Amino acid sequence: IFNYDMVTFWEKYLDDIETSLTEDGLPTMVAPGKRKIGPASPDWGTALVQIPWYLCLYYGDDRAIQQHYPSMERWMRHLEDISEGLIVSEGLGDWCAPYKLEGHTPIPITSTAYFYLDAWIMSQAASLLGRDDESRRFAELARGIRREFISKFYDSSTESYGTQTADAFALYLDLIPAGRRQAVADS
């Protein structure tokens, strides 16, 4: 998306996602396609939120956000519905980690991180569209997810979230306790 003119590709893919929605209006695991395989997992359905945002971020065009905002909102309600205490335990997780890496990243870490990212993006997207109340609501949701993520997954004795994937995800999304960024990076 940064190096190539990918607007038409991603716009078409977003339309494919929209035309493959479940009866509940959720993205499916396979889009487009006749094999919908049910609602997308949190780590797959996040595309419906991330792609419009990155199109806007990299190309300065908010049309994809405007067009897909209702579906993005529905996706967020779904994530809120399946979360328990703002932790999402469904998903695929880090199912294809390099074989030499030690440890297994639990699904709730990756799915909850995507939930946080989606809430943060929705706050920014809503603000961009002038939906200030929604922007504040999503910002508060993101702050709550961040608090719960750190509380549930951060191990202060090891300065880690348990695996390289978990630490990298937490560093990338700033899901790190105050003042502990370098310690997590070192772990």
C-alpha atoms as a PDB file:
ATOM      1  CA  ILE A   1       0.000   0.000   0.000  1.00  0.00           C
ATOM      2  CA  PHE A   2       2.923   2.358   0.634  1.00  0.00           C
ATOM      3  CA  ASN A   3       4.988   1.551  -2.440  1.00  0.00           C
ATOM      4  CA  TYR A   4       2.326   0.784  -5.019  1.00  0.00           C
ATOM      5  CA  ASP A   5      -0.915   2.338  -6.164  1.00  0.00           C
ATOM      6  CA  MET A   6      -3.186  -0.143  -4.382  1.00  0.00           C
ATOM      7  CA  VAL A   7      -6.353   1.949  -4.046  1.00  0.00           C
ATOM      8  CA  THR A   8      -8.447   0.100  -6.626  1.00  0.00           C
ATOM      9  CA  PHE A   9      -7.293  -3.299  -5.366  1.00  0.00           C
ATOM     10  CA  TRP A  10      -8.229  -2.557  -1.741  1.00  0.00           C
ATOM     11  CA  GLU A  11     -11.469  -0.780  -2.641  1.00  0.00           C
ATOM     12  CA  LYS A  12     -12.498  -3.834  -4.663  1.00  0.00           C
ATOM     13  CA  TYR A  13     -11.559  -6.156  -1.809  1.00  0.00           C
ATOM     14  CA  LEU A  14     -13.615  -4.095   0.644  1.00  0.00           C
ATOM     15  CA  ASP A  15     -16.566  -4.392  -1.743  1.00  0.00           C
ATOM     16  CA  ASP A  16     -15.973  -8.158  -1.845  1.00  0.00           C
ATOM     17  CA  ILE A  17     -16.103  -8.263   1.948  1.00  0.00           C
ATOM     18  CA  GLU A  18     -19.356  -6.268   1.909  1.00  0.00           C
ATOM     19  CA  THR A  19     -20.988  -8.567  -0.646  1.00  0.00           C
ATOM     20  CA  SER A  20     -19.968 -11.638   1.373  1.00  0.00           C
ATOM     21  CA  LEU A  21     -21.331 -10.510   4.754  1.00  0.00           C
ATOM     22  CA  THR A  22     -23.211 -12.988   6.928  1.00  0.00           C
ATOM     23  CA  GLU A  23     -26.934 -12.560   7.573  1.00  0.00           C
ATOM     24  CA  ASP A  24     -25.927 -10.644  10.732  1.00  0.00           C
ATOM     25  CA  GLY A  25     -23.858  -8.226   8.647  1.00  0.00           C
ATOM     26  CA  LEU A  26     -20.476  -9.556   9.746  1.00  0.00           C
ATOM     27  CA  PRO A  27     -17.494 -10.226   7.497  1.00  0.00           C
ATOM     28  CA  THR A  28     -16.847 -13.860   6.668  1.00  0.00           C
ATOM     29  CA  MET A  29     -13.637 -15.866   6.838  1.00  0.00           C
ATOM     30  CA  VAL A  30     -13.470 -16.008   3.025  1.00  0.00           C
ATOM     31  CA  ALA A  31     -14.348 -13.011   0.871  1.00  0.00           C
ATOM     32  CA  PRO A  32     -15.423 -13.130  -1.839  1.00  0.00           C
ATOM     33  CA  GLY A  33     -16.692 -16.598  -2.175  1.00  0.00           C
ATOM     34  CA  LYS A  34     -19.495 -19.075  -2.002  1.00  0.00           C
ATOM     35  CA  ARG A  35     -17.708 -20.812   0.911  1.00  0.00           C
ATOM     36  CA  LYS A  36     -18.372 -18.158   3.522  1.00  0.00           C
ATOM     37  CA  ILE A  37     -17.312 -20.455   6.380  1.00  0.00           C
ATOM     38  CA  GLY A  38     -19.184 -18.351   8.936  1.00  0.00           C
ATOM     39  CA  PRO A  39     -18.286 -15.076  10.616  1.00  0.00           C
ATOM     40  CA  ALA A  40     -14.673 -13.966  10.490  1.00  0.00           C
ATOM     41  CA  SER A  41     -12.459 -14.415  13.514  1.00  0.00           C
ATOM     42  CA  PRO A  42     -11.239 -11.219  15.221  1.00  0.00           C
ATOM     43  CA  ASP A  43      -7.857 -11.528  13.557  1.00  0.00           C
ATOM     44  CA  TRP A  44      -9.420 -11.832  10.096  1.00  0.00           C
ATOM     45  CA  GLY A  45     -12.434  -9.518  10.353  1.00  0.00           C
ATOM     46  CA  THR A  46     -10.181  -6.670  11.469  1.00  0.00           C
ATOM     47  CA  ALA A  47      -9.533  -6.120   7.748  1.00  0.00           C
ATOM     48  CA  LEU A  48     -12.925  -4.424   7.528  1.00  0.00           C
ATOM     49  CA  VAL A  49     -11.672  -1.748   9.946  1.00  0.00           C
ATOM     50  CA  GLN A  50      -7.997  -1.589   9.032  1.00  0.00           C
ATOM     51  CA  ILE A  51      -8.215  -1.378   5.240  1.00  0.00           C
ATOM     52  CA  PRO A  52     -10.425   1.748   5.071  1.00  0.00           C
ATOM     53  CA  TRP A  53      -8.224   3.400   7.701  1.00  0.00           C
ATOM     54  CA  TYR A  54      -4.965   2.642   5.897  1.00  0.00           C
ATOM     55  CA  LEU A  55      -6.423   3.779   2.569  1.00  0.00           C
ATOM     56  CA  CYS A  56      -7.220   7.099   4.230  1.00  0.00           C
ATOM     57  CA  LEU A  57      -3.871   7.267   6.020  1.00  0.00           C
ATOM     58  CA  TYR A  58      -1.713   6.504   2.986  1.00  0.00           C
ATOM     59  CA  TYR A  59      -3.779   8.155   0.239  1.00  0.00           C
ATOM     60  CA  GLY A  60      -5.543  10.976   2.092  1.00  0.00           C
ATOM     61  CA  ASP A  61      -8.975   9.822   0.930  1.00  0.00           C
ATOM     62  CA  ASP A  62     -11.701   9.039   3.461  1.00  0.00           C
ATOM     63  CA  ARG A  63     -14.251   7.647   0.981  1.00  0.00           C
ATOM     64  CA  ALA A  64     -13.651   4.036   2.089  1.00  0.00           C
ATOM     65  CA  ILE A  65     -14.262   5.021   5.706  1.00  0.00           C
ATOM     66  CA  GLN A  66     -17.453   6.849   4.740  1.00  0.00           C
ATOM     67  CA  GLN A  67     -18.689   3.938   2.639  1.00  0.00           C
ATOM     68  CA  HIS A  68     -17.858   1.145   5.071  1.00  0.00           C
ATOM     69  CA  TYR A  69     -18.408   2.897   8.405  1.00  0.00           C
ATOM     70  CA  PRO A  70     -21.746   1.137   9.138  1.00  0.00           C
ATOM     71  CA  SER A  71     -20.123  -2.280   8.641  1.00  0.00           C
ATOM     72  CA  MET A  72     -17.106  -1.198  10.682  1.00  0.00           C
ATOM     73  CA  GLU A  73     -19.449  -0.219  13.536  1.00  0.00           C
ATOM     74  CA  ARG A  74     -21.279  -3.551  13.302  1.00  0.00           C
ATOM     75  CA  TRP A  75     -17.942  -5.339  13.526  1.00  0.00           C
ATOM     76  CA  MET A  76     -17.077  -3.411  16.678  1.00  0.00           C
ATOM     77  CA  ARG A  77     -20.409  -4.317  18.295  1.00  0.00           C
ATOM     78  CA  HIS A  78     -19.645  -7.952  17.482  1.00  0.00           C
ATOM     79  CA  LEU A  79     -16.242  -7.738  19.165  1.00  0.00           C
ATOM     80  CA  GLU A  80     -17.778  -6.097  22.207  1.00  0.00           C
ATOM     81  CA  ASP A  81     -20.421  -8.839  22.323  1.00  0.00           C
ATOM     82  CA  ILE A  82     -17.903 -11.695  22.226  1.00  0.00           C
ATOM     83  CA  SER A  83     -15.487 -10.103  24.677  1.00  0.00           C
ATOM     84  CA  GLU A  84     -15.488 -10.917  28.370  1.00  0.00           C
ATOM     85  CA  GLY A  85     -14.134  -8.080  30.476  1.00  0.00           C
ATOM     86  CA  LEU A  86     -12.830  -6.553  27.206  1.00  0.00           C
ATOM     87  CA  ILE A  87     -10.729  -9.656  26.511  1.00  0.00           C
ATOM     88  CA  VAL A  88     -11.483 -11.497  23.261  1.00  0.00           C
ATOM     89  CA  SER A  89     -10.718 -15.210  23.436  1.00  0.00           C
ATOM     90  CA  GLU A  90     -11.841 -16.314  19.967  1.00  0.00           C
ATOM     91  CA  GLY A  91      -9.593 -16.255  16.929  1.00  0.00           C
ATOM     92  CA  LEU A  92      -6.770 -17.899  15.036  1.00  0.00           C
ATOM     93  CA  GLY A  93      -3.898 -16.509  17.062  1.00  0.00           C
ATOM     94  CA  ASP A  94      -0.274 -16.780  16.015  1.00  0.00           C
ATOM     95  CA  TRP A  95      -0.971 -20.047  14.249  1.00  0.00           C
ATOM     96  CA  CYS A  96       2.034 -19.929  11.954  1.00  0.00           C
ATOM     97  CA  ALA A  97       4.956 -18.785  14.113  1.00  0.00           C
ATOM     98  CA  PRO A  98       8.453 -19.678  12.879  1.00  0.00           C
ATOM     99  CA  TYR A  99       9.261 -23.159  14.137  1.00  0.00           C
ATOM    100  CA  LYS A 100      12.423 -22.171  15.996  1.00  0.00           C
ATOM    101  CA  LEU A 101      10.700 -19.630  18.239  1.00  0.00           C
ATOM    102  CA  GLU A 102       9.979 -20.823  21.733  1.00  0.00           C
ATOM    103  CA  GLY A 103       6.521 -20.565  23.226  1.00  0.00           C
ATOM    104  CA  HIS A 104       2.972 -20.342  22.010  1.00  0.00           C
ATOM    105  CA  THR A 105       1.138 -17.024  21.952  1.00  0.00           C
ATOM    106  CA  PRO A 106      -2.335 -17.477  23.439  1.00  0.00           C
ATOM    107  CA  ILE A 107      -5.227 -16.519  21.162  1.00  0.00           C
ATOM    108  CA  PRO A 108      -6.634 -13.950  23.636  1.00  0.00           C
ATOM    109  CA  ILE A 109      -3.443 -11.887  23.330  1.00  0.00           C
ATOM    110  CA  THR A 110      -3.625 -11.476  19.556  1.00  0.00           C
ATOM    111  CA  SER A 111      -7.416 -11.171  19.366  1.00  0.00           C
ATOM    112  CA  THR A 112      -7.562  -8.612  22.173  1.00  0.00           C
ATOM    113  CA  ALA A 113      -4.735  -6.640  20.564  1.00  0.00           C
ATOM    114  CA  TYR A 114      -6.757  -6.500  17.329  1.00  0.00           C
ATOM    115  CA  PHE A 115      -9.821  -5.454  19.343  1.00  0.00           C
ATOM    116  CA  TYR A 116      -7.760  -2.588  20.775  1.00  0.00           C
ATOM    117  CA  LEU A 117      -6.431  -1.600  17.341  1.00  0.00           C
ATOM    118  CA  ASP A 118      -9.937  -1.650  15.862  1.00  0.00           C
ATOM    119  CA  ALA A 119     -11.301   0.516  18.705  1.00  0.00           C
ATOM    120  CA  TRP A 120      -8.449   2.988  18.278  1.00  0.00           C
ATOM    121  CA  ILE A 121      -8.989   3.150  14.505  1.00  0.00           C
ATOM    122  CA  MET A 122     -12.738   3.600  14.987  1.00  0.00           C
ATOM    123  CA  SER A 123     -12.081   6.532  17.323  1.00  0.00           C
ATOM    124  CA  GLN A 124      -9.920   8.166  14.665  1.00  0.00           C
ATOM    125  CA  ALA A 125     -12.347   7.336  11.843  1.00  0.00           C
ATOM    126  CA  ALA A 126     -15.361   8.660  13.743  1.00  0.00           C
ATOM    127  CA  SER A 127     -13.501  11.879  14.515  1.00  0.00           C
ATOM    128  CA  LEU A 128     -12.570  12.253  10.854  1.00  0.00           C
ATOM    129  CA  LEU A 129     -16.240  11.932   9.910  1.00  0.00           C
ATOM    130  CA  GLY A 130     -17.299  14.475  12.557  1.00  0.00           C
ATOM    131  CA  ARG A 131     -18.971  11.856  14.767  1.00  0.00           C
ATOM    132  CA  ASP A 132     -17.534  13.249  17.973  1.00  0.00           C
ATOM    133  CA  ASP A 133     -19.689  11.273  20.431  1.00  0.00           C
ATOM    134  CA  GLU A 134     -18.790   8.014  18.692  1.00  0.00           C
ATOM    135  CA  SER A 135     -15.138   9.019  18.583  1.00  0.00           C
ATOM    136  CA  ARG A 136     -15.120   9.578  22.353  1.00  0.00           C
ATOM    137  CA  ARG A 137     -16.930   6.279  22.964  1.00  0.00           C
ATOM    138  CA  PHE A 138     -14.420   4.325  20.864  1.00  0.00           C
ATOM    139  CA  ALA A 139     -11.487   6.152  22.490  1.00  0.00           C
ATOM    140  CA  GLU A 140     -12.816   5.183  25.924  1.00  0.00           C
ATOM    141  CA  LEU A 141     -13.293   1.605  24.728  1.00  0.00           C
ATOM    142  CA  ALA A 142      -9.691   1.525  23.461  1.00  0.00           C
ATOM    143  CA  ARG A 143      -8.410   2.838  26.812  1.00  0.00           C
ATOM    144  CA  GLY A 144     -10.402   0.151  28.637  1.00  0.00           C
ATOM    145  CA  ILE A 145      -9.099  -2.616  26.374  1.00  0.00           C
ATOM    146  CA  ARG A 146      -5.547  -1.349  26.866  1.00  0.00           C
ATOM    147  CA  ARG A 147      -5.948  -1.385  30.669  1.00  0.00           C
ATOM    148  CA  GLU A 148      -7.342  -4.925  30.648  1.00  0.00           C
ATOM    149  CA  PHE A 149      -4.725  -6.170  28.166  1.00  0.00           C
ATOM    150  CA  ILE A 150      -1.865  -4.958  30.357  1.00  0.00           C
ATOM    151  CA  SER A 151      -3.530  -6.181  33.546  1.00  0.00           C
ATOM    152  CA  LYS A 152      -4.257  -9.661  32.195  1.00  0.00           C
ATOM    153  CA  PHE A 153      -1.221 -10.422  30.034  1.00  0.00           C
ATOM    154  CA  TYR A 154       1.804  -8.430  31.260  1.00  0.00           C
ATOM    155  CA  ASP A 155       4.160 -10.338  33.576  1.00  0.00           C
ATOM    156  CA  SER A 156       6.139  -7.798  35.586  1.00  0.00           C
ATOM    157  CA  SER A 157       8.597 -10.452  36.816  1.00  0.00           C
ATOM    158  CA  THR A 158       9.761 -11.215  33.260  1.00  0.00           C
ATOM    159  CA  GLU A 159       8.924  -7.797  31.738  1.00  0.00           C
ATOM    160  CA  SER A 160       7.155  -9.703  28.994  1.00  0.00           C
ATOM    161  CA  TYR A 161       3.869 -10.857  27.572  1.00  0.00           C
ATOM    162  CA  GLY A 162       5.325 -14.342  27.231  1.00  0.00           C
ATOM    163  CA  THR A 163       6.394 -14.700  23.599  1.00  0.00           C
ATOM    164  CA  GLN A 164       8.179 -12.729  20.912  1.00  0.00           C
ATOM    165  CA  THR A 165       4.884 -12.294  19.045  1.00  0.00           C
ATOM    166  CA  ALA A 166       3.071 -11.039  22.142  1.00  0.00           C
ATOM    167  CA  ASP A 167       5.864  -8.623  23.031  1.00  0.00           C
ATOM    168  CA  ALA A 168       6.125  -7.337  19.453  1.00  0.00           C
ATOM    169  CA  PHE A 169       2.355  -6.830  19.224  1.00  0.00           C
ATOM    170  CA  ALA A 170       2.302  -4.998  22.565  1.00  0.00           C
ATOM    171  CA  LEU A 171       5.232  -2.798  21.537  1.00  0.00           C
ATOM    172  CA  TYR A 172       3.738  -1.984  18.131  1.00  0.00           C
ATOM    173  CA  LEU A 173       0.369  -1.008  19.615  1.00  0.00           C
ATOM    174  CA  ASP A 174       1.808   0.634  22.767  1.00  0.00           C
ATOM    175  CA  LEU A 175       0.089  -1.840  25.057  1.00  0.00           C
ATOM    176  CA  ILE A 176       2.936  -1.500  27.555  1.00  0.00           C
ATOM    177  CA  PRO A 177       2.872  -0.268  31.169  1.00  0.00           C
ATOM    178  CA  ALA A 178       4.271   3.250  31.603  1.00  0.00           C
ATOM    179  CA  GLY A 179       8.059   3.283  31.651  1.00  0.00           C
ATOM    180  CA  ARG A 180       8.441  -0.399  30.696  1.00  0.00           C
ATOM    181  CA  ARG A 181       8.822  -0.097  26.912  1.00  0.00           C
ATOM    182  CA  GLN A 182      12.592  -0.759  26.817  1.00  0.00           C
ATOM    183  CA  ALA A 183      12.300  -3.611  29.315  1.00  0.00           C
ATOM    184  CA  VAL A 184       9.689  -5.345  27.145  1.00  0.00           C
ATOM    185  CA  ALA A 185      11.813  -4.736  24.047  1.00  0.00           C
ATOM    186  CA  ASP A 186      14.824  -6.220  25.852  1.00  0.00           C
ATOM    187  CA  SER A 187      12.874  -9.335  26.813  1.00  0.00           C
END
